[in-house]
Amino acid sequence: MDSNRVIKVEVPSNKDFSRIMRLTAAGAADACGFNVDMIEDVKVMVSEVFGSIIESGCPGAVISFEPAEGRLVVLFETCNGEPVLKGANEMTVPILEALAGSVDSDKNGSLRLVIE
């Protein structure tokens, strides 16, 4: 991971900040050279995961975006160590799997999306 290219945001779990997360995701996706459709897909993925974090009752999250040419890695971590997808509805995981190249969650509950 090139730390000079990582955008890291610590955000409270509040639906008022969903728009900010979507705009941040769009900016990171644009930095990868993604087309408009891919940028929209990235915004959908970030919205789905951030919504899950809000629904879980977690107080906040740290979301990291690592843009590279033609590739975006997004890492979601909750502030309290709870699984990121704890509050996910039944459609969240299928949406993520359909849109992202890779969806990985670890034993600490963080979630990593690789979008290419």
C-alpha atoms as a PDB file:
ATOM      1  CA  MET A   1       0.000   0.000   0.000  1.00  0.00           C
ATOM      2  CA  ASP A   2       1.416   3.367  -1.041  1.00  0.00           C
ATOM      3  CA  SER A   3       0.535   5.573   1.948  1.00  0.00           C
ATOM      4  CA  ASN A   4       0.938   8.683  -0.227  1.00  0.00           C
ATOM      5  CA  ARG A   5      -2.096   7.579  -2.248  1.00  0.00           C
ATOM      6  CA  VAL A   6      -4.416   6.498   0.574  1.00  0.00           C
ATOM      7  CA  ILE A   7      -7.424   8.601   1.520  1.00  0.00           C
ATOM      8  CA  LYS A   8      -8.505   7.712   5.062  1.00  0.00           C
ATOM      9  CA  VAL A   9     -11.737   9.002   6.560  1.00  0.00           C
ATOM     10  CA  GLU A  10     -12.997   8.458  10.090  1.00  0.00           C
ATOM     11  CA  VAL A  11     -16.727   9.058  10.029  1.00  0.00           C
ATOM     12  CA  PRO A  12     -19.511   8.829  12.620  1.00  0.00           C
ATOM     13  CA  SER A  13     -22.328   6.397  11.876  1.00  0.00           C
ATOM     14  CA  ASN A  14     -24.859   8.970  10.864  1.00  0.00           C
ATOM     15  CA  LYS A  15     -26.950   8.948   7.705  1.00  0.00           C
ATOM     16  CA  ASP A  16     -26.233  12.674   7.305  1.00  0.00           C
ATOM     17  CA  PHE A  17     -22.679  11.704   6.299  1.00  0.00           C
ATOM     18  CA  SER A  18     -23.706   9.213   3.591  1.00  0.00           C
ATOM     19  CA  ARG A  19     -23.490  11.891   0.906  1.00  0.00           C
ATOM     20  CA  ILE A  20     -19.973  12.830   2.001  1.00  0.00           C
ATOM     21  CA  MET A  21     -18.895   9.186   1.772  1.00  0.00           C
ATOM     22  CA  ARG A  22     -20.451   8.867  -1.705  1.00  0.00           C
ATOM     23  CA  LEU A  23     -18.643  11.993  -2.897  1.00  0.00           C
ATOM     24  CA  THR A  24     -15.341  10.798  -1.434  1.00  0.00           C
ATOM     25  CA  ALA A  25     -15.833   7.430  -3.141  1.00  0.00           C
ATOM     26  CA  ALA A  26     -16.607   9.157  -6.446  1.00  0.00           C
ATOM     27  CA  GLY A  27     -13.450  11.269  -6.194  1.00  0.00           C
ATOM     28  CA  ALA A  28     -11.296   8.220  -5.437  1.00  0.00           C
ATOM     29  CA  ALA A  29     -12.866   6.285  -8.327  1.00  0.00           C
ATOM     30  CA  ASP A  30     -12.288   9.211 -10.675  1.00  0.00           C
ATOM     31  CA  ALA A  31      -8.615   9.251  -9.641  1.00  0.00           C
ATOM     32  CA  CYS A  32      -8.438   5.634 -10.883  1.00  0.00           C
ATOM     33  CA  GLY A  33      -9.627   6.677 -14.327  1.00  0.00           C
ATOM     34  CA  PHE A  34     -12.948   4.860 -13.968  1.00  0.00           C
ATOM     35  CA  ASN A  35     -15.762   5.753 -16.351  1.00  0.00           C
ATOM     36  CA  VAL A  36     -19.063   7.225 -15.156  1.00  0.00           C
ATOM     37  CA  ASP A  37     -20.734   3.809 -14.800  1.00  0.00           C
ATOM     38  CA  MET A  38     -17.889   2.452 -12.670  1.00  0.00           C
ATOM     39  CA  ILE A  39     -17.929   5.579 -10.505  1.00  0.00           C
ATOM     40  CA  GLU A  40     -21.648   5.054  -9.901  1.00  0.00           C
ATOM     41  CA  ASP A  41     -20.977   1.399  -8.974  1.00  0.00           C
ATOM     42  CA  VAL A  42     -18.340   2.493  -6.445  1.00  0.00           C
ATOM     43  CA  LYS A  43     -20.796   4.962  -4.919  1.00  0.00           C
ATOM     44  CA  VAL A  44     -23.412   2.204  -4.620  1.00  0.00           C
ATOM     45  CA  MET A  45     -20.948  -0.146  -2.915  1.00  0.00           C
ATOM     46  CA  VAL A  46     -19.791   2.467  -0.421  1.00  0.00           C
ATOM     47  CA  SER A  47     -23.410   3.433   0.317  1.00  0.00           C
ATOM     48  CA  GLU A  48     -24.374  -0.188   0.923  1.00  0.00           C
ATOM     49  CA  VAL A  49     -21.514  -0.823   3.341  1.00  0.00           C
ATOM     50  CA  PHE A  50     -21.828   2.516   5.131  1.00  0.00           C
ATOM     51  CA  GLY A  51     -25.579   1.892   5.506  1.00  0.00           C
ATOM     52  CA  SER A  52     -24.788  -1.492   7.041  1.00  0.00           C
ATOM     53  CA  ILE A  53     -22.431   0.141   9.519  1.00  0.00           C
ATOM     54  CA  ILE A  54     -25.128   2.652  10.492  1.00  0.00           C
ATOM     55  CA  GLU A  55     -27.739  -0.111  10.897  1.00  0.00           C
ATOM     56  CA  SER A  56     -25.425  -2.144  13.139  1.00  0.00           C
ATOM     57  CA  GLY A  57     -25.443   0.589  15.764  1.00  0.00           C
ATOM     58  CA  CYS A  58     -21.681   1.000  15.552  1.00  0.00           C
ATOM     59  CA  PRO A  59     -20.599   4.518  16.590  1.00  0.00           C
ATOM     60  CA  GLY A  60     -18.427   5.058  13.518  1.00  0.00           C
ATOM     61  CA  ALA A  61     -16.047   3.683  10.942  1.00  0.00           C
ATOM     62  CA  VAL A  62     -12.714   4.239   9.280  1.00  0.00           C
ATOM     63  CA  ILE A  63     -12.902   3.986   5.503  1.00  0.00           C
ATOM     64  CA  SER A  64      -9.714   3.950   3.437  1.00  0.00           C
ATOM     65  CA  PHE A  65      -9.551   4.441  -0.322  1.00  0.00           C
ATOM     66  CA  GLU A  66      -6.406   3.429  -2.217  1.00  0.00           C
ATOM     67  CA  PRO A  67      -6.695   4.583  -5.826  1.00  0.00           C
ATOM     68  CA  ALA A  68      -4.367   3.325  -8.550  1.00  0.00           C
ATOM     69  CA  GLU A  69      -4.661   3.370 -12.327  1.00  0.00           C
ATOM     70  CA  GLY A  70      -7.667   1.165 -13.144  1.00  0.00           C
ATOM     71  CA  ARG A  71      -7.970  -0.173  -9.585  1.00  0.00           C
ATOM     72  CA  LEU A  72      -9.498   0.982  -6.310  1.00  0.00           C
ATOM     73  CA  VAL A  73      -9.135  -0.758  -2.968  1.00  0.00           C
ATOM     74  CA  VAL A  74     -11.616   0.273  -0.283  1.00  0.00           C
ATOM     75  CA  LEU A  75     -11.146  -0.899   3.313  1.00  0.00           C
ATOM     76  CA  PHE A  76     -13.934  -0.528   5.884  1.00  0.00           C
ATOM     77  CA  GLU A  77     -13.267  -0.891   9.614  1.00  0.00           C
ATOM     78  CA  THR A  78     -15.699  -0.174  12.434  1.00  0.00           C
ATOM     79  CA  CYS A  79     -14.558   1.920  15.373  1.00  0.00           C
ATOM     80  CA  ASN A  80     -15.676  -0.680  17.912  1.00  0.00           C
ATOM     81  CA  GLY A  81     -14.332  -3.805  16.192  1.00  0.00           C
ATOM     82  CA  GLU A  82     -17.794  -5.112  15.283  1.00  0.00           C
ATOM     83  CA  PRO A  83     -18.137  -6.792  11.879  1.00  0.00           C
ATOM     84  CA  VAL A  84     -18.702  -4.194   9.155  1.00  0.00           C
ATOM     85  CA  LEU A  85     -21.569  -6.171   7.645  1.00  0.00           C
ATOM     86  CA  LYS A  86     -23.309  -6.860  10.977  1.00  0.00           C
ATOM     87  CA  GLY A  87     -26.240  -4.598  10.021  1.00  0.00           C
ATOM     88  CA  ALA A  88     -26.346  -5.640   6.358  1.00  0.00           C
ATOM     89  CA  ASN A  89     -29.607  -6.596   4.719  1.00  0.00           C
ATOM     90  CA  GLU A  90     -29.904  -9.750   2.601  1.00  0.00           C
ATOM     91  CA  MET A  91     -29.057  -7.885  -0.617  1.00  0.00           C
ATOM     92  CA  THR A  92     -25.841  -6.145   0.489  1.00  0.00           C
ATOM     93  CA  VAL A  93     -23.417  -9.023  -0.051  1.00  0.00           C
ATOM     94  CA  PRO A  94     -24.839 -10.044  -3.472  1.00  0.00           C
ATOM     95  CA  ILE A  95     -24.650  -6.396  -4.600  1.00  0.00           C
ATOM     96  CA  LEU A  96     -21.026  -6.139  -3.468  1.00  0.00           C
ATOM     97  CA  GLU A  97     -20.097  -9.443  -5.101  1.00  0.00           C
ATOM     98  CA  ALA A  98     -21.737  -8.396  -8.379  1.00  0.00           C
ATOM     99  CA  LEU A  99     -19.995  -5.019  -8.532  1.00  0.00           C
ATOM    100  CA  ALA A 100     -16.570  -5.576  -6.956  1.00  0.00           C
ATOM    101  CA  GLY A 101     -13.810  -7.785  -8.324  1.00  0.00           C
ATOM    102  CA  SER A 102     -13.070  -9.039  -4.819  1.00  0.00           C
ATOM    103  CA  VAL A 103     -14.947  -8.890  -1.494  1.00  0.00           C
ATOM    104  CA  ASP A 104     -12.996 -10.070   1.543  1.00  0.00           C
ATOM    105  CA  SER A 105     -13.832  -9.869   5.191  1.00  0.00           C
ATOM    106  CA  ASP A 106     -11.421 -10.834   7.947  1.00  0.00           C
ATOM    107  CA  LYS A 107     -11.739 -12.229  11.468  1.00  0.00           C
ATOM    108  CA  ASN A 108     -11.644  -8.694  12.901  1.00  0.00           C
ATOM    109  CA  GLY A 109     -14.779  -7.831  10.952  1.00  0.00           C
ATOM    110  CA  SER A 110     -13.174  -5.425   8.478  1.00  0.00           C
ATOM    111  CA  LEU A 111     -14.172  -5.538   4.832  1.00  0.00           C
ATOM    112  CA  ARG A 112     -11.944  -5.041   1.791  1.00  0.00           C
ATOM    113  CA  LEU A 113     -13.276  -4.369  -1.697  1.00  0.00           C
ATOM    114  CA  VAL A 114     -11.064  -4.471  -4.771  1.00  0.00           C
ATOM    115  CA  ILE A 115     -12.685  -2.773  -7.734  1.00  0.00           C
ATOM    116  CA  GLU A 116     -11.138  -3.068 -11.195  1.00  0.00           C
END
